[in-house]
Amino acid sequence: MSGSSKRRLSRDEWARVIDQYRASGQGVEEFCRARSLKRNRFMHWLKMLGGESQSRRTPGRSAFIEVPTLSGPGGWEIELDLGDGMALRLRRSDVLS
């Protein structure tokens, strides 16, 4: 999709874009940037068309991302919203061993 094109894509066209994304092995940011797609609009259609269910994930493509090590004085708390009311919370005590 060219950056100069301003017309709206149909549902079928978005389905093809989502299929291209799944086959690309790229992350959302990289995929959208390369195709001049607005990330928010892309995410809307990704969600509308089923997201990335386990059965449709590209084989060999990891669902994990690397998170840098957090270090230094003081504690940390990380909350990851998994959707559907589920969250993953990681907490570290301020007490150093």
N, C-alpha and C. Protein backbone atom coordinates (compact mmCIF):
# COMPACT_ATOMS: atom_id res chain seq x y z
N MET A 1 0.85 -1.18 0.00
CA MET A 1 0.00 0.00 0.00
C MET A 1 0.88 1.22 0.00
N SER A 2 0.68 2.12 -0.88
CA SER A 2 1.54 3.30 -0.98
C SER A 2 1.11 4.36 0.02
N GLY A 3 2.03 5.22 0.43
CA GLY A 3 1.75 6.28 1.37
C GLY A 3 0.83 7.34 0.80
N SER A 4 0.76 7.45 -0.53
CA SER A 4 -0.07 8.48 -1.15
C SER A 4 -1.53 8.05 -1.25
N SER A 5 -1.81 6.77 -1.07
CA SER A 5 -3.17 6.26 -1.17
C SER A 5 -3.93 6.58 0.12
N LYS A 6 -5.08 7.25 -0.01
CA LYS A 6 -5.87 7.64 1.14
C LYS A 6 -7.20 6.90 1.21
N ARG A 7 -7.50 6.03 0.25
CA ARG A 7 -8.79 5.35 0.28
C ARG A 7 -8.81 4.30 1.38
N ARG A 8 -10.00 4.02 1.87
CA ARG A 8 -10.16 3.02 2.92
C ARG A 8 -10.13 1.62 2.32
N LEU A 9 -9.54 0.71 3.05
CA LEU A 9 -9.50 -0.67 2.60
C LEU A 9 -10.78 -1.38 3.02
N SER A 10 -11.23 -2.29 2.20
CA SER A 10 -12.41 -3.10 2.53
C SER A 10 -12.01 -4.18 3.54
N ARG A 11 -12.99 -4.84 4.10
CA ARG A 11 -12.74 -5.93 5.05
C ARG A 11 -11.89 -7.02 4.37
N ASP A 12 -12.22 -7.38 3.14
CA ASP A 12 -11.45 -8.40 2.41
C ASP A 12 -10.01 -7.95 2.19
N GLU A 13 -9.82 -6.67 1.87
CA GLU A 13 -8.46 -6.16 1.68
C GLU A 13 -7.68 -6.22 2.99
N TRP A 14 -8.34 -5.86 4.10
CA TRP A 14 -7.66 -5.95 5.40
C TRP A 14 -7.32 -7.40 5.74
N ALA A 15 -8.20 -8.32 5.39
CA ALA A 15 -7.93 -9.74 5.63
C ALA A 15 -6.67 -10.17 4.89
N ARG A 16 -6.51 -9.69 3.66
CA ARG A 16 -5.29 -10.01 2.89
C ARG A 16 -4.05 -9.38 3.53
N VAL A 17 -4.19 -8.14 4.02
CA VAL A 17 -3.07 -7.46 4.68
C VAL A 17 -2.67 -8.24 5.94
N ILE A 18 -3.65 -8.68 6.71
CA ILE A 18 -3.37 -9.45 7.93
C ILE A 18 -2.70 -10.77 7.58
N ASP A 19 -3.14 -11.43 6.53
CA ASP A 19 -2.49 -12.66 6.08
C ASP A 19 -1.03 -12.39 5.68
N GLN A 20 -0.79 -11.27 5.00
CA GLN A 20 0.58 -10.89 4.62
C GLN A 20 1.43 -10.66 5.87
N TYR A 21 0.85 -10.01 6.87
CA TYR A 21 1.56 -9.77 8.13
C TYR A 21 1.94 -11.09 8.78
N ARG A 22 0.98 -12.00 8.86
CA ARG A 22 1.25 -13.30 9.51
C ARG A 22 2.35 -14.08 8.79
N ALA A 23 2.38 -13.96 7.48
CA ALA A 23 3.39 -14.68 6.69
C ALA A 23 4.74 -13.96 6.67
N SER A 24 4.76 -12.69 7.06
CA SER A 24 5.98 -11.88 6.91
C SER A 24 7.06 -12.18 7.95
N GLY A 25 6.66 -12.59 9.13
CA GLY A 25 7.63 -12.78 10.20
C GLY A 25 8.08 -11.48 10.83
N GLN A 26 7.51 -10.36 10.40
CA GLN A 26 7.87 -9.04 10.93
C GLN A 26 7.03 -8.71 12.15
N GLY A 27 7.53 -7.79 12.95
CA GLY A 27 6.75 -7.24 14.04
C GLY A 27 5.76 -6.23 13.48
N VAL A 28 4.79 -5.85 14.31
CA VAL A 28 3.75 -4.91 13.88
C VAL A 28 4.34 -3.59 13.42
N GLU A 29 5.23 -3.03 14.24
CA GLU A 29 5.81 -1.72 13.89
C GLU A 29 6.51 -1.76 12.54
N GLU A 30 7.35 -2.75 12.36
CA GLU A 30 8.12 -2.87 11.11
C GLU A 30 7.19 -3.09 9.91
N PHE A 31 6.21 -3.99 10.07
CA PHE A 31 5.27 -4.29 8.99
C PHE A 31 4.50 -3.04 8.58
N CYS A 32 3.95 -2.32 9.57
CA CYS A 32 3.16 -1.12 9.28
C CYS A 32 4.01 -0.02 8.65
N ARG A 33 5.20 0.18 9.17
CA ARG A 33 6.09 1.22 8.64
C ARG A 33 6.44 0.93 7.18
N ALA A 34 6.74 -0.33 6.87
CA ALA A 34 7.14 -0.70 5.51
C ALA A 34 6.01 -0.51 4.50
N ARG A 35 4.77 -0.55 5.00
CA ARG A 35 3.62 -0.44 4.10
C ARG A 35 2.83 0.85 4.28
N SER A 36 3.38 1.77 5.04
CA SER A 36 2.73 3.06 5.32
C SER A 36 1.32 2.88 5.88
N LEU A 37 1.19 1.91 6.78
CA LEU A 37 -0.10 1.67 7.44
C LEU A 37 -0.10 2.34 8.80
N LYS A 38 -1.24 2.85 9.20
CA LYS A 38 -1.36 3.41 10.53
C LYS A 38 -1.49 2.25 11.52
N ARG A 39 -0.61 2.25 12.53
CA ARG A 39 -0.56 1.15 13.49
C ARG A 39 -1.91 0.95 14.18
N ASN A 40 -2.55 2.03 14.61
CA ASN A 40 -3.84 1.90 15.32
C ASN A 40 -4.89 1.23 14.44
N ARG A 41 -4.96 1.60 13.18
CA ARG A 41 -5.93 1.03 12.26
C ARG A 41 -5.60 -0.45 12.02
N PHE A 42 -4.31 -0.73 11.86
CA PHE A 42 -3.88 -2.12 11.66
C PHE A 42 -4.27 -2.97 12.87
N MET A 43 -4.01 -2.48 14.07
CA MET A 43 -4.33 -3.24 15.28
C MET A 43 -5.83 -3.45 15.41
N HIS A 44 -6.62 -2.46 15.02
CA HIS A 44 -8.08 -2.61 15.04
C HIS A 44 -8.50 -3.80 14.17
N TRP A 45 -7.97 -3.85 12.95
CA TRP A 45 -8.36 -4.93 12.04
C TRP A 45 -7.76 -6.26 12.46
N LEU A 46 -6.58 -6.25 13.03
CA LEU A 46 -5.99 -7.49 13.52
C LEU A 46 -6.90 -8.09 14.60
N LYS A 47 -7.39 -7.24 15.48
CA LYS A 47 -8.30 -7.70 16.53
C LYS A 47 -9.64 -8.14 15.93
N MET A 48 -10.17 -7.35 15.01
CA MET A 48 -11.46 -7.67 14.39
C MET A 48 -11.43 -8.98 13.62
N LEU A 49 -10.30 -9.29 13.02
CA LEU A 49 -10.20 -10.48 12.18
C LEU A 49 -9.58 -11.66 12.91
N GLY A 50 -9.55 -11.59 14.22
CA GLY A 50 -9.15 -12.76 14.99
C GLY A 50 -7.79 -12.71 15.64
N GLY A 51 -7.08 -11.62 15.51
CA GLY A 51 -5.77 -11.53 16.16
C GLY A 51 -4.84 -12.62 15.72
N GLU A 52 -3.96 -12.98 16.59
CA GLU A 52 -3.00 -14.05 16.30
C GLU A 52 -3.28 -15.25 17.17
N SER A 53 -4.31 -16.01 16.83
CA SER A 53 -4.61 -17.20 17.61
C SER A 53 -3.49 -18.21 17.43
N GLN A 54 -3.33 -19.09 18.40
CA GLN A 54 -2.25 -20.07 18.37
C GLN A 54 -2.29 -20.91 17.10
N SER A 55 -3.49 -21.25 16.64
CA SER A 55 -3.61 -22.12 15.48
C SER A 55 -3.22 -21.41 14.18
N ARG A 56 -3.23 -20.07 14.18
CA ARG A 56 -2.92 -19.34 12.95
C ARG A 56 -1.54 -18.69 12.99
N ARG A 57 -0.81 -18.86 14.08
CA ARG A 57 0.51 -18.25 14.19
C ARG A 57 1.46 -18.91 13.20
N THR A 58 2.32 -18.13 12.61
CA THR A 58 3.28 -18.63 11.64
C THR A 58 4.22 -19.63 12.32
N PRO A 59 4.37 -20.84 11.78
CA PRO A 59 5.27 -21.83 12.38
C PRO A 59 6.69 -21.28 12.50
N GLY A 60 7.32 -21.57 13.63
CA GLY A 60 8.68 -21.14 13.85
C GLY A 60 8.81 -19.71 14.34
N ARG A 61 7.71 -18.99 14.42
CA ARG A 61 7.75 -17.60 14.88
C ARG A 61 7.48 -17.57 16.37
N SER A 62 8.41 -17.08 17.13
CA SER A 62 8.29 -17.05 18.57
C SER A 62 7.24 -16.06 19.03
N ALA A 63 6.51 -16.43 20.07
CA ALA A 63 5.53 -15.54 20.66
C ALA A 63 6.16 -14.76 21.81
N PHE A 64 7.46 -14.92 22.02
CA PHE A 64 8.16 -14.26 23.12
C PHE A 64 8.97 -13.09 22.61
N ILE A 65 9.16 -12.13 23.49
CA ILE A 65 10.05 -11.01 23.19
C ILE A 65 11.10 -10.95 24.29
N GLU A 66 12.26 -10.46 23.95
CA GLU A 66 13.33 -10.33 24.93
C GLU A 66 13.12 -9.06 25.74
N VAL A 67 13.23 -9.20 27.05
CA VAL A 67 13.11 -8.06 27.95
C VAL A 67 14.47 -7.87 28.62
N PRO A 68 15.03 -6.66 28.54
CA PRO A 68 16.34 -6.45 29.16
C PRO A 68 16.27 -6.63 30.67
N THR A 69 17.39 -7.03 31.25
CA THR A 69 17.48 -7.22 32.69
C THR A 69 17.33 -5.89 33.40
N LEU A 70 16.51 -5.89 34.43
CA LEU A 70 16.34 -4.70 35.26
C LEU A 70 17.26 -4.84 36.46
N SER A 71 18.08 -3.84 36.70
CA SER A 71 19.00 -3.93 37.82
C SER A 71 19.12 -2.58 38.51
N GLY A 72 19.81 -2.58 39.61
CA GLY A 72 20.01 -1.35 40.36
C GLY A 72 19.25 -1.38 41.66
N PRO A 73 19.45 -0.36 42.48
CA PRO A 73 18.79 -0.32 43.78
C PRO A 73 17.28 -0.14 43.62
N GLY A 74 16.57 -0.61 44.61
CA GLY A 74 15.12 -0.47 44.57
C GLY A 74 14.46 -1.64 43.90
N GLY A 75 13.17 -1.75 44.07
CA GLY A 75 12.42 -2.86 43.50
C GLY A 75 11.84 -2.51 42.15
N TRP A 76 11.15 -3.46 41.60
CA TRP A 76 10.48 -3.24 40.33
C TRP A 76 9.15 -3.96 40.35
N GLU A 77 8.26 -3.51 39.53
CA GLU A 77 6.95 -4.13 39.38
C GLU A 77 6.56 -4.03 37.92
N ILE A 78 6.18 -5.14 37.34
CA ILE A 78 5.79 -5.19 35.93
C ILE A 78 4.42 -5.84 35.85
N GLU A 79 3.51 -5.22 35.11
CA GLU A 79 2.20 -5.82 34.88
C GLU A 79 1.97 -5.89 33.39
N LEU A 80 1.66 -7.07 32.91
CA LEU A 80 1.40 -7.30 31.50
C LEU A 80 -0.07 -7.67 31.33
N ASP A 81 -0.82 -6.83 30.63
CA ASP A 81 -2.24 -7.09 30.37
C ASP A 81 -2.36 -8.11 29.25
N LEU A 82 -2.92 -9.27 29.57
CA LEU A 82 -3.05 -10.35 28.60
C LEU A 82 -4.39 -10.34 27.87
N GLY A 83 -5.24 -9.40 28.21
CA GLY A 83 -6.56 -9.32 27.59
C GLY A 83 -7.56 -10.20 28.31
N ASP A 84 -8.81 -10.03 28.01
CA ASP A 84 -9.90 -10.80 28.62
C ASP A 84 -9.84 -10.79 30.14
N GLY A 85 -9.41 -9.67 30.71
CA GLY A 85 -9.37 -9.53 32.17
C GLY A 85 -8.22 -10.24 32.85
N MET A 86 -7.28 -10.77 32.09
CA MET A 86 -6.15 -11.48 32.68
C MET A 86 -4.92 -10.60 32.65
N ALA A 87 -4.10 -10.71 33.70
CA ALA A 87 -2.86 -9.93 33.78
C ALA A 87 -1.77 -10.79 34.40
N LEU A 88 -0.55 -10.55 33.99
CA LEU A 88 0.62 -11.18 34.57
C LEU A 88 1.35 -10.11 35.35
N ARG A 89 1.54 -10.33 36.65
CA ARG A 89 2.21 -9.35 37.50
C ARG A 89 3.51 -9.93 38.04
N LEU A 90 4.59 -9.20 37.89
CA LEU A 90 5.90 -9.59 38.43
C LEU A 90 6.33 -8.50 39.42
N ARG A 91 6.65 -8.92 40.61
CA ARG A 91 7.08 -7.97 41.62
C ARG A 91 8.39 -8.44 42.22
N ARG A 92 9.21 -7.50 42.63
CA ARG A 92 10.49 -7.81 43.28
C ARG A 92 10.53 -7.04 44.58
N SER A 93 10.96 -7.69 45.61
CA SER A 93 11.04 -7.07 46.92
C SER A 93 12.13 -6.02 46.93
N ASP A 94 11.90 -4.96 47.72
CA ASP A 94 12.92 -3.92 47.89
C ASP A 94 14.05 -4.37 48.79
N VAL A 95 13.86 -5.50 49.48
CA VAL A 95 14.88 -6.02 50.39
C VAL A 95 15.94 -6.75 49.58
N LEU A 96 17.17 -6.33 49.72
CA LEU A 96 18.28 -6.96 49.00
C LEU A 96 18.84 -8.09 49.85
N SER A 97 19.15 -9.22 49.23
CA SER A 97 19.70 -10.37 49.96
C SER A 97 21.20 -10.26 50.06
